Amino acid sequence: MKDWHPDLSRSSSPRYMAIADLIEMDLRNGHLAVGDRLPPQRDLAKRLNVDFTTVARGYVEAQKRGLVESHVGRGTFVTGRAGKARPDFAPDAVPDPRRASIVDFSMNMPPEPDDPELIAGMREGMSAVAANLVPLLRYQGFGGSGMDKDAAAAWLGRRGLTPSQERIFVTPGAHPALLAIFGLLAKPGETVLSEIITYPGMRSIAAQLRLNLAGLPMDEDGVLPEALASACERLKPKALYLNPTLQNPMTLTISTGRRAEIAAVARRYQLPVVEDDAYGFIPPQGPAPLAAMAPDLTWHIGGLAKCLGAGLRLAYVVAPDSKAGWPFVSAMRANNVMASPLTMALATRWIEDGSADAILRFVRTEAAARQQMVAAILPAGSYRADPISFNIWLPLANGWTRSTFGSHMRSSGIGVVASDAFTVEGAAPEAVRVCLGGPITRERLHGALEFMAHALEGPPEMAASFF
């Protein structure tokens, strides 16, 4: 271990930034070398007579610059990837904020594949698509070719769905599909239902269409059937929106029994159900979709963003019947013309050659590993999560509010989303969603979670003492 003892008096920058600056300077002047292990954060905090959080933030900032790497259980090591000295560099210079890459926990994305064999297979699929590239640059009819719909049917069959091709549509993502469906089901001023804590995109869609969005109370199994029935009587809603598997943000999955109860209430009131099954493929053996229980009432949306990758921008939509598909196609054409033929061809290829299944297996395994990391760092019972979800739902204590906690995490490069974004009605709880996927590595995630756990140990006044 390098006996590194920086002199913070050499910099007028905030102390955490000064630590990163001095790592960079000492790497250039030879006082630090590639492979040196830096002192443990708590040891350095004691040496410098500063708060642990200050050192933690300094190491995070150094990692953003590519100066160090942290390895779980082994420590923080100098990598030697510092760039050439800036002309304006001096110990007391203000660091350029454009150099830092933000650790963004705010987007609920699947972990990104890093297995060379898997990535090679994905690239082979892209090469196969490129071999017949020119026809894919043309306009095509909306909804996908017969080949694309066959691939969609095979993919949806993994969830127990067996719709005819006439009911399947390949769309440019779940969000535009939801916008089109709710535009067909409800007029401005009419009411649609959702979970009381729900996907923020649904709130945006309701606002854009000028619909009244009413929230339904939930328990551990999902929305309460008696509350749904009561809302149907009182509000005469035009549709029910549900995100039934690994629900965003609460991570709960509606049980099979509860799904049957919800379907029964929907059938009693002839209430259309819009099933946003974004995470339905993540559990290896999840409950059957509502579309399998009440196919004549349910619009099923099987997005690929959360199980394969957000950049695909594709979703497979199953209409309740072929007649319902006609106005849906018109609405989608007006807004989107068509899904990208290039993207459709790639998704079809990956489904046919097994790459999609391989990506899905990776996502499941990596999501589970990250949830195990959370369980090892955060106290049991202090948060809500599923063992395979991409995020956690974190209620706040010790005087933390969602605004103070969000501000504190953002100042450290950690993005969280306050409960306000998800709350349909009533007071938003003091809670935040923290996402674990996307491009962040396990090592960086571990450091960020440790920083978060340290902040949560005490009141915000303690964590705010950076300087």
Protein backbone atom coordinates (compact mmCIF):
# COMPACT_ATOMS: atom_id res chain seq x y z
CA MET A 1 0.00 0.00 0.00
CA LYS A 2 1.32 3.46 -0.91
CA ASP A 3 1.82 5.65 2.15
CA TRP A 4 0.20 8.60 0.42
CA HIS A 5 -0.46 11.69 2.53
CA PRO A 6 -1.66 14.60 0.34
CA ASP A 7 -1.34 18.16 1.54
CA LEU A 8 -4.79 19.65 1.06
CA SER A 9 -3.46 23.13 1.85
CA ARG A 10 -1.93 23.18 -1.62
CA SER A 11 -5.40 23.56 -3.16
CA SER A 12 -8.16 26.10 -2.70
CA SER A 13 -10.73 23.76 -4.24
CA PRO A 14 -13.29 21.95 -2.13
CA ARG A 15 -11.49 19.24 -0.19
CA TYR A 16 -13.00 16.28 -2.02
CA MET A 17 -12.00 17.86 -5.35
CA ALA A 18 -8.56 18.65 -4.00
CA ILE A 19 -8.01 14.95 -3.23
CA ALA A 20 -8.71 14.05 -6.87
CA ASP A 21 -6.54 16.95 -8.09
CA LEU A 22 -3.62 15.81 -5.95
CA ILE A 23 -3.92 12.20 -7.12
CA GLU A 24 -3.67 13.51 -10.68
CA MET A 25 -0.74 15.82 -9.89
CA ASP A 26 1.20 13.18 -7.92
CA LEU A 27 0.69 10.69 -10.73
CA ARG A 28 2.31 13.13 -13.14
CA ASN A 29 5.22 14.08 -10.89
CA GLY A 30 6.02 10.47 -9.97
CA HIS A 31 4.93 10.50 -6.34
CA LEU A 32 2.27 7.97 -7.34
CA ALA A 33 2.79 5.16 -9.83
CA VAL A 34 0.53 2.83 -11.76
CA GLY A 35 -0.54 -0.03 -9.52
CA ASP A 36 -0.12 1.84 -6.23
CA ARG A 37 -2.85 1.05 -3.76
CA LEU A 38 -4.24 4.17 -2.14
CA PRO A 39 -4.96 4.25 1.60
CA PRO A 40 -8.40 2.99 2.67
CA GLN A 41 -10.93 5.82 2.75
CA ARG A 42 -11.45 5.75 6.51
CA ASP A 43 -7.69 5.69 7.17
CA LEU A 44 -7.08 8.66 4.87
CA ALA A 45 -9.99 10.57 6.41
CA LYS A 46 -8.41 10.10 9.83
CA ARG A 47 -4.98 11.19 8.58
CA LEU A 48 -6.37 14.32 6.93
CA ASN A 49 -8.80 15.05 9.76
CA VAL A 50 -11.73 15.24 7.34
CA ASP A 51 -15.11 13.50 7.10
CA PHE A 52 -15.16 10.03 5.55
CA THR A 53 -17.64 11.34 2.99
CA THR A 54 -15.09 13.88 1.77
CA VAL A 55 -12.55 11.17 0.99
CA ALA A 56 -15.22 8.94 -0.57
CA ARG A 57 -16.23 11.77 -2.88
CA GLY A 58 -12.60 12.45 -3.72
CA TYR A 59 -12.01 8.85 -4.75
CA VAL A 60 -15.23 8.85 -6.80
CA GLU A 61 -14.10 12.02 -8.59
CA ALA A 62 -10.68 10.47 -9.27
CA GLN A 63 -12.38 7.39 -10.69
CA LYS A 64 -14.50 9.56 -12.99
CA ARG A 65 -11.27 11.02 -14.40
CA GLY A 66 -9.81 7.58 -15.02
CA LEU A 67 -7.09 8.04 -12.41
CA VAL A 68 -8.02 5.14 -10.13
CA GLU A 69 -10.10 1.99 -10.06
CA SER A 70 -11.84 0.52 -7.04
CA HIS A 71 -12.12 -3.24 -6.62
CA VAL A 72 -14.52 -4.73 -4.12
CA GLY A 73 -12.62 -6.25 -1.20
CA ARG A 74 -9.20 -5.20 -2.54
CA GLY A 75 -9.10 -1.42 -2.43
CA THR A 76 -8.49 1.55 -4.72
CA PHE A 77 -5.57 1.41 -7.16
CA VAL A 78 -3.87 4.00 -9.37
CA THR A 79 -4.42 3.21 -13.06
CA GLY A 80 -2.23 5.84 -14.66
CA ARG A 81 -4.80 6.89 -17.22
CA ALA A 82 -4.45 10.61 -16.52
CA GLY A 83 -4.53 12.76 -19.63
CA LYS A 84 -1.85 15.22 -20.67
CA ALA A 85 -1.43 18.15 -18.37
CA ARG A 86 -3.79 20.99 -19.11
CA PRO A 87 -2.09 24.33 -19.82
CA ASP A 88 -4.12 25.87 -17.03
CA PHE A 89 -3.50 23.06 -14.56
CA ALA A 90 -2.34 24.11 -11.14
CA PRO A 91 -3.00 22.69 -7.70
CA ASP A 92 -5.56 25.40 -7.03
CA ALA A 93 -7.16 25.39 -10.49
CA VAL A 94 -10.90 24.75 -10.65
CA PRO A 95 -11.40 21.34 -12.32
CA ASP A 96 -13.24 21.35 -15.65
CA PRO A 97 -16.69 19.82 -14.98
CA ARG A 98 -16.88 18.54 -18.56
CA ARG A 99 -14.19 15.98 -17.73
CA ALA A 100 -16.39 14.10 -15.28
CA SER A 101 -18.76 11.39 -16.45
CA ILE A 102 -21.83 11.30 -14.22
CA VAL A 103 -22.70 8.10 -12.42
CA ASP A 104 -26.40 8.18 -13.29
CA PHE A 105 -28.69 5.96 -11.24
CA SER A 106 -31.79 7.74 -12.52
CA MET A 107 -32.54 5.63 -15.61
CA ASN A 108 -34.03 2.20 -15.07
CA MET A 109 -32.01 0.25 -17.62
CA PRO A 110 -30.80 -3.34 -17.73
CA PRO A 111 -27.13 -3.99 -16.97
CA GLU A 112 -25.08 -3.74 -20.15
CA PRO A 113 -23.48 -6.92 -21.53
CA ASP A 114 -19.73 -7.16 -21.00
CA ASP A 115 -19.14 -10.82 -21.90
CA PRO A 116 -16.89 -10.95 -25.01
CA GLU A 117 -18.52 -14.10 -26.37
CA LEU A 118 -22.00 -12.66 -25.98
CA ILE A 119 -21.00 -9.36 -27.61
CA ALA A 120 -19.38 -11.25 -30.48
CA GLY A 121 -22.64 -13.11 -31.10
CA MET A 122 -24.57 -9.84 -31.05
CA ARG A 123 -22.18 -8.38 -33.61
CA GLU A 124 -22.59 -11.41 -35.86
CA GLY A 125 -26.31 -10.73 -35.88
CA MET A 126 -25.69 -7.11 -36.90
CA SER A 127 -23.37 -8.28 -39.70
CA ALA A 128 -26.04 -10.65 -40.98
CA VAL A 129 -28.56 -7.79 -41.05
CA ALA A 130 -26.07 -5.52 -42.85
CA ALA A 131 -25.64 -8.12 -45.61
CA ASN A 132 -29.10 -7.16 -46.90
CA LEU A 133 -28.99 -3.51 -45.91
CA VAL A 134 -30.45 -1.58 -48.84
CA PRO A 135 -34.05 -2.89 -48.61
CA LEU A 136 -34.06 -1.95 -44.92
CA LEU A 137 -33.55 1.72 -45.85
CA ARG A 138 -37.00 1.89 -47.48
CA TYR A 139 -40.36 2.77 -46.06
CA GLN A 140 -42.35 -0.27 -44.98
CA GLY A 141 -45.88 -0.90 -43.87
CA PHE A 142 -46.62 -0.38 -40.18
CA GLY A 143 -46.54 -3.31 -37.78
CA GLY A 144 -43.67 -5.37 -39.14
CA SER A 145 -43.23 -7.96 -41.88
CA GLY A 146 -44.48 -11.51 -41.59
CA MET A 147 -40.98 -12.57 -40.53
CA ASP A 148 -40.88 -9.90 -37.83
CA LYS A 149 -44.31 -10.91 -36.56
CA ASP A 150 -43.27 -14.57 -36.48
CA ALA A 151 -40.28 -13.60 -34.34
CA ALA A 152 -42.54 -11.49 -32.12
CA ALA A 153 -44.94 -14.42 -31.73
CA ALA A 154 -42.06 -16.72 -30.78
CA TRP A 155 -40.81 -14.18 -28.22
CA LEU A 156 -44.27 -13.56 -26.74
CA GLY A 157 -44.79 -17.32 -26.59
CA ARG A 158 -42.20 -17.40 -23.81
CA ARG A 159 -44.82 -15.55 -21.73
CA GLY A 160 -47.56 -18.01 -22.63
CA LEU A 161 -49.18 -15.79 -25.26
CA THR A 162 -50.30 -17.27 -28.60
CA PRO A 163 -51.94 -14.42 -30.53
CA SER A 164 -52.57 -14.56 -34.27
CA GLN A 165 -50.42 -12.38 -36.55
CA GLU A 166 -53.40 -10.06 -37.13
CA ARG A 167 -53.26 -9.03 -33.47
CA ILE A 168 -49.47 -8.51 -33.27
CA PHE A 169 -47.82 -5.18 -34.12
CA VAL A 170 -44.14 -4.29 -33.98
CA THR A 171 -43.99 -0.71 -32.69
CA PRO A 172 -41.19 1.84 -32.10
CA GLY A 173 -41.18 1.40 -28.33
CA ALA A 174 -43.64 1.01 -25.49
CA HIS A 175 -44.11 4.73 -24.86
CA PRO A 176 -45.54 5.65 -28.30
CA ALA A 177 -47.67 2.51 -28.17
CA LEU A 178 -49.12 3.60 -24.82
CA LEU A 179 -49.78 7.07 -26.18
CA ALA A 180 -51.68 5.67 -29.15
CA ILE A 181 -53.69 3.15 -27.10
CA PHE A 182 -54.84 5.66 -24.48
CA GLY A 183 -55.63 8.14 -27.23
CA LEU A 184 -58.05 5.54 -28.60
CA LEU A 185 -59.55 4.45 -25.28
CA ALA A 186 -60.23 7.80 -23.62
CA LYS A 187 -61.11 11.37 -24.55
CA PRO A 188 -59.82 14.52 -22.82
CA GLY A 189 -61.41 14.89 -19.40
CA GLU A 190 -62.18 11.19 -19.02
CA THR A 191 -60.65 9.01 -16.30
CA VAL A 192 -58.15 6.18 -16.54
CA LEU A 193 -56.81 4.17 -13.58
CA SER A 194 -53.33 3.12 -12.53
CA GLU A 195 -51.40 2.10 -9.44
CA ILE A 196 -51.19 5.00 -6.97
CA ILE A 197 -47.39 4.80 -7.33
CA THR A 198 -46.78 4.18 -11.01
CA TYR A 199 -44.49 4.50 -14.01
CA PRO A 200 -43.86 8.23 -14.58
CA GLY A 201 -44.31 7.83 -18.33
CA MET A 202 -47.96 7.02 -17.71
CA ARG A 203 -48.36 10.27 -15.82
CA SER A 204 -46.82 12.16 -18.74
CA ILE A 205 -49.10 10.44 -21.26
CA ALA A 206 -52.20 11.20 -19.20
CA ALA A 207 -51.15 14.85 -18.96
CA GLN A 208 -50.45 15.10 -22.68
CA LEU A 209 -53.84 13.58 -23.57
CA ARG A 210 -55.54 15.63 -20.83
CA LEU A 211 -56.89 12.54 -19.11
CA ASN A 212 -57.72 12.30 -15.42
CA LEU A 213 -55.37 9.71 -13.92
CA ALA A 214 -56.70 8.16 -10.71
CA GLY A 215 -54.46 6.01 -8.49
CA LEU A 216 -55.48 2.72 -6.89
CA PRO A 217 -54.12 1.61 -3.50
CA MET A 218 -51.83 -1.41 -3.43
CA ASP A 219 -50.62 -4.09 -1.08
CA GLU A 220 -47.83 -6.65 -1.49
CA ASP A 221 -49.79 -8.43 -4.26
CA GLY A 222 -50.64 -5.35 -6.31
CA VAL A 223 -53.68 -3.12 -6.73
CA LEU A 224 -56.61 -4.01 -4.49
CA PRO A 225 -59.51 -5.62 -6.39
CA GLU A 226 -62.12 -4.03 -4.11
CA ALA A 227 -60.58 -0.59 -4.73
CA LEU A 228 -60.66 -1.27 -8.47
CA ALA A 229 -64.34 -2.23 -8.31
CA SER A 230 -65.15 0.84 -6.23
CA ALA A 231 -63.34 3.10 -8.71
CA CYS A 232 -65.25 1.53 -11.58
CA GLU A 233 -68.53 2.34 -9.83
CA ARG A 234 -67.60 5.90 -8.84
CA LEU A 235 -65.40 7.14 -11.66
CA LYS A 236 -66.59 5.21 -14.74
CA PRO A 237 -63.01 4.85 -16.00
CA LYS A 238 -62.18 4.12 -19.62
CA ALA A 239 -59.13 1.93 -18.98
CA LEU A 240 -56.78 0.47 -16.37
CA TYR A 241 -53.00 0.76 -16.74
CA LEU A 242 -50.82 -1.79 -14.97
CA ASN A 243 -47.10 -2.52 -14.88
CA PRO A 244 -47.64 -5.94 -13.29
CA THR A 245 -44.19 -7.56 -13.14
CA LEU A 246 -41.28 -5.97 -11.24
CA GLN A 247 -43.36 -2.81 -11.17
CA ASN A 248 -41.52 0.45 -11.71
CA PRO A 249 -40.68 1.82 -9.13
CA MET A 250 -41.89 -0.42 -6.29
CA THR A 251 -40.46 -3.67 -7.77
CA LEU A 252 -43.54 -5.67 -6.73
CA THR A 253 -45.01 -8.39 -8.95
CA ILE A 254 -48.76 -8.95 -8.98
CA SER A 255 -49.41 -12.52 -7.89
CA THR A 256 -51.25 -15.00 -10.10
CA GLY A 257 -54.24 -15.01 -7.77
CA ARG A 258 -54.45 -11.24 -7.70
CA ARG A 259 -54.19 -11.09 -11.49
CA ALA A 260 -57.19 -13.40 -11.74
CA GLU A 261 -59.13 -11.16 -9.34
CA ILE A 262 -58.24 -8.04 -11.32
CA ALA A 263 -59.24 -9.73 -14.57
CA ALA A 264 -62.57 -10.74 -13.02
CA VAL A 265 -63.32 -7.14 -11.96
CA ALA A 266 -62.29 -5.83 -15.38
CA ARG A 267 -64.61 -8.33 -17.04
CA ARG A 268 -67.50 -7.41 -14.75
CA TYR A 269 -67.22 -3.76 -15.79
CA GLN A 270 -65.95 -4.41 -19.34
CA LEU A 271 -62.91 -2.29 -18.48
CA PRO A 272 -60.04 -2.37 -21.00
CA VAL A 273 -56.69 -3.26 -19.42
CA VAL A 274 -53.40 -1.88 -20.76
CA GLU A 275 -50.68 -4.26 -19.61
CA ASP A 276 -47.22 -2.70 -19.78
CA ASP A 277 -45.15 -5.89 -19.47
CA ALA A 278 -41.78 -4.11 -19.70
CA TYR A 279 -40.11 -6.43 -17.17
CA GLY A 280 -42.21 -9.53 -17.78
CA PHE A 281 -39.36 -11.46 -19.39
CA ILE A 282 -36.90 -10.84 -16.55
CA PRO A 283 -38.16 -13.46 -14.06
CA PRO A 284 -37.40 -16.93 -15.47
CA GLN A 285 -40.85 -18.15 -14.41
CA GLY A 286 -43.05 -15.13 -13.79
CA PRO A 287 -46.85 -15.15 -13.49
CA ALA A 288 -48.86 -15.43 -16.68
CA PRO A 289 -49.78 -12.07 -18.24
CA LEU A 290 -53.24 -10.60 -17.81
CA ALA A 291 -53.50 -10.89 -21.59
CA ALA A 292 -53.53 -14.68 -21.14
CA MET A 293 -56.40 -14.42 -18.62
CA ALA A 294 -58.54 -11.79 -20.34
CA PRO A 295 -57.25 -11.55 -23.94
CA ASP A 296 -60.43 -9.88 -25.23
CA LEU A 297 -60.01 -6.97 -22.77
CA THR A 298 -56.24 -6.55 -22.67
CA TRP A 299 -53.78 -4.53 -24.69
CA HIS A 300 -50.46 -6.27 -24.04
CA ILE A 301 -47.18 -4.38 -24.56
CA GLY A 302 -44.04 -6.49 -24.52
CA GLY A 303 -41.22 -3.96 -24.73
CA LEU A 304 -37.64 -4.98 -25.51
CA ALA A 305 -35.99 -1.98 -23.81
CA LYS A 306 -35.78 -3.52 -20.34
CA CYS A 307 -34.97 -7.10 -21.28
CA LEU A 308 -32.54 -6.55 -24.18
CA GLY A 309 -31.58 -2.88 -24.40
CA ALA A 310 -33.21 0.54 -24.46
CA GLY A 311 -31.53 1.47 -27.74
CA LEU A 312 -33.59 -1.08 -29.66
CA ARG A 313 -36.72 1.10 -29.21
CA LEU A 314 -39.10 -1.75 -30.04
CA ALA A 315 -42.19 -3.17 -28.41
CA TYR A 316 -44.49 -6.00 -29.44
CA VAL A 317 -48.12 -4.99 -29.00
CA VAL A 318 -50.96 -7.50 -28.88
CA ALA A 319 -54.40 -6.00 -29.53
CA PRO A 320 -57.52 -7.50 -27.89
CA ASP A 321 -58.83 -8.48 -31.34
CA SER A 322 -58.09 -7.77 -34.99
CA LYS A 323 -60.80 -5.08 -35.18
CA ALA A 324 -59.16 -3.09 -32.36
CA GLY A 325 -55.95 -3.13 -34.37
CA TRP A 326 -57.32 -1.04 -37.22
CA PRO A 327 -57.58 2.32 -35.41
CA PHE A 328 -54.38 1.49 -33.53
CA VAL A 329 -52.48 1.22 -36.81
CA SER A 330 -53.91 4.56 -37.97
CA ALA A 331 -52.91 6.27 -34.73
CA MET A 332 -49.40 4.83 -34.79
CA ARG A 333 -48.87 5.76 -38.44
CA ALA A 334 -49.92 9.34 -37.75
CA ASN A 335 -47.39 9.69 -34.93
CA ASN A 336 -44.52 7.40 -35.91
CA VAL A 337 -45.01 6.17 -39.52
CA MET A 338 -43.28 2.86 -38.68
CA ALA A 339 -40.73 1.20 -36.49
CA SER A 340 -37.19 1.29 -37.87
CA PRO A 341 -36.79 -1.61 -40.32
CA LEU A 342 -33.12 -1.86 -39.33
CA THR A 343 -34.01 -2.26 -35.67
CA MET A 344 -36.78 -4.74 -36.43
CA ALA A 345 -34.45 -6.83 -38.56
CA LEU A 346 -31.84 -6.90 -35.79
CA ALA A 347 -34.35 -7.91 -33.11
CA THR A 348 -35.75 -10.62 -35.37
CA ARG A 349 -32.26 -11.92 -36.09
CA TRP A 350 -31.33 -11.99 -32.40
CA ILE A 351 -34.51 -13.88 -31.53
CA GLU A 352 -33.92 -16.40 -34.31
CA ASP A 353 -30.21 -17.02 -33.63
CA GLY A 354 -30.52 -17.20 -29.82
CA SER A 355 -28.73 -13.92 -29.04
CA ALA A 356 -31.87 -12.47 -27.45
CA ASP A 357 -32.05 -15.39 -25.03
CA ALA A 358 -28.35 -15.06 -24.26
CA ILE A 359 -28.72 -11.33 -23.54
CA LEU A 360 -31.71 -12.05 -21.32
CA ARG A 361 -29.75 -14.66 -19.35
CA PHE A 362 -26.93 -12.16 -18.83
CA VAL A 363 -29.35 -9.47 -17.67
CA ARG A 364 -30.95 -11.84 -15.16
CA THR A 365 -27.63 -13.01 -13.77
CA GLU A 366 -26.13 -9.53 -13.51
CA ALA A 367 -29.29 -8.01 -12.00
CA ALA A 368 -29.27 -10.73 -9.34
CA ALA A 369 -25.59 -10.09 -8.58
CA ARG A 370 -26.23 -6.38 -8.14
CA GLN A 371 -29.16 -6.99 -5.83
CA GLN A 372 -26.90 -9.24 -3.74
CA MET A 373 -24.43 -6.35 -3.56
CA VAL A 374 -27.19 -4.05 -2.31
CA ALA A 375 -28.19 -6.62 0.30
CA ALA A 376 -24.60 -6.76 1.57
CA ILE A 377 -24.32 -2.97 1.92
CA LEU A 378 -27.74 -1.63 2.94
CA PRO A 379 -29.42 -2.84 6.14
CA ALA A 380 -32.10 -5.49 5.70
CA GLY A 381 -35.56 -3.98 5.72
CA SER A 382 -34.34 -0.48 4.87
CA TYR A 383 -35.38 -0.70 1.23
CA ARG A 384 -37.72 -2.59 -1.08
CA ALA A 385 -36.49 -4.70 -4.01
CA ASP A 386 -36.96 -7.92 -5.91
CA PRO A 387 -33.94 -10.26 -6.09
CA ILE A 388 -33.84 -9.72 -9.85
CA SER A 389 -35.06 -6.11 -10.29
CA PHE A 390 -32.96 -3.29 -11.76
CA ASN A 391 -33.76 -0.84 -8.99
CA ILE A 392 -34.55 -0.46 -5.33
CA TRP A 393 -37.25 1.64 -3.65
CA LEU A 394 -35.67 3.45 -0.74
CA PRO A 395 -37.81 4.97 2.04
CA LEU A 396 -35.89 7.67 3.90
CA ALA A 397 -35.30 8.02 7.65
CA ASN A 398 -33.07 9.96 10.09
CA GLY A 399 -34.53 13.28 8.99
CA TRP A 400 -33.74 12.85 5.31
CA THR A 401 -36.28 14.21 2.86
CA ARG A 402 -36.44 13.17 -0.76
CA SER A 403 -35.22 16.62 -1.84
CA THR A 404 -32.24 16.79 0.54
CA PHE A 405 -31.24 13.22 -0.20
CA GLY A 406 -31.53 13.73 -3.95
CA SER A 407 -29.44 16.88 -3.78
CA HIS A 408 -26.79 15.16 -1.66
CA MET A 409 -26.55 12.21 -4.04
CA ARG A 410 -26.43 14.44 -7.13
CA SER A 411 -23.55 16.43 -5.66
CA SER A 412 -21.69 13.14 -5.48
CA GLY A 413 -22.46 12.09 -9.06
CA ILE A 414 -25.21 9.69 -7.97
CA GLY A 415 -28.62 10.20 -9.55
CA VAL A 416 -31.81 9.18 -7.77
CA VAL A 417 -35.44 9.92 -8.58
CA ALA A 418 -37.73 11.34 -5.91
CA SER A 419 -41.10 9.71 -5.27
CA ASP A 420 -42.91 12.75 -6.68
CA ALA A 421 -42.26 11.45 -10.21
CA PHE A 422 -44.25 8.29 -9.49
CA THR A 423 -47.06 9.50 -7.21
CA VAL A 424 -50.43 9.76 -8.94
CA GLU A 425 -52.36 11.49 -6.16
CA GLY A 426 -51.98 12.47 -2.52
CA ALA A 427 -48.78 13.37 -0.72
CA ALA A 428 -45.63 11.80 -2.12
CA PRO A 429 -43.84 9.57 0.41
CA GLU A 430 -40.34 10.39 1.61
CA ALA A 431 -38.70 7.85 -0.68
CA VAL A 432 -36.56 7.63 -3.80
CA ARG A 433 -35.90 5.13 -6.57
CA VAL A 434 -32.28 4.11 -7.05
CA CYS A 435 -31.38 2.27 -10.26
CA LEU A 436 -28.63 -0.31 -10.48
CA GLY A 437 -28.31 -1.02 -14.21
CA GLY A 438 -27.02 0.74 -17.28
CA PRO A 439 -23.33 1.27 -18.06
CA ILE A 440 -22.13 1.45 -14.46
CA THR A 441 -19.73 -1.36 -13.53
CA ARG A 442 -20.06 -3.47 -10.39
CA GLU A 443 -17.02 -1.77 -8.89
CA ARG A 444 -18.37 1.73 -9.39
CA LEU A 445 -21.79 0.66 -8.20
CA HIS A 446 -20.27 -0.80 -5.05
CA GLY A 447 -18.49 2.47 -4.25
CA ALA A 448 -21.62 4.51 -4.92
CA LEU A 449 -23.75 2.27 -2.72
CA GLU A 450 -21.22 2.49 0.11
CA PHE A 451 -21.30 6.27 -0.16
CA MET A 452 -25.09 6.18 -0.05
CA ALA A 453 -25.15 3.81 2.92
CA HIS A 454 -22.75 6.03 4.84
CA ALA A 455 -24.96 9.07 4.23
CA LEU A 456 -28.04 7.21 5.44
CA GLU A 457 -26.40 6.24 8.73
CA GLY A 458 -26.98 9.71 10.16
CA PRO A 459 -28.99 12.88 9.65
CA PRO A 460 -28.44 15.11 6.61
CA GLU A 461 -26.58 17.66 8.73
CA MET A 462 -23.77 15.14 9.26
CA ALA A 463 -23.55 14.08 5.62
CA ALA A 464 -23.61 17.66 4.38
CA SER A 465 -20.36 18.51 6.20
CA PHE A 466 -18.11 18.21 3.13
CA PHE A 467 -15.67 21.06 3.62
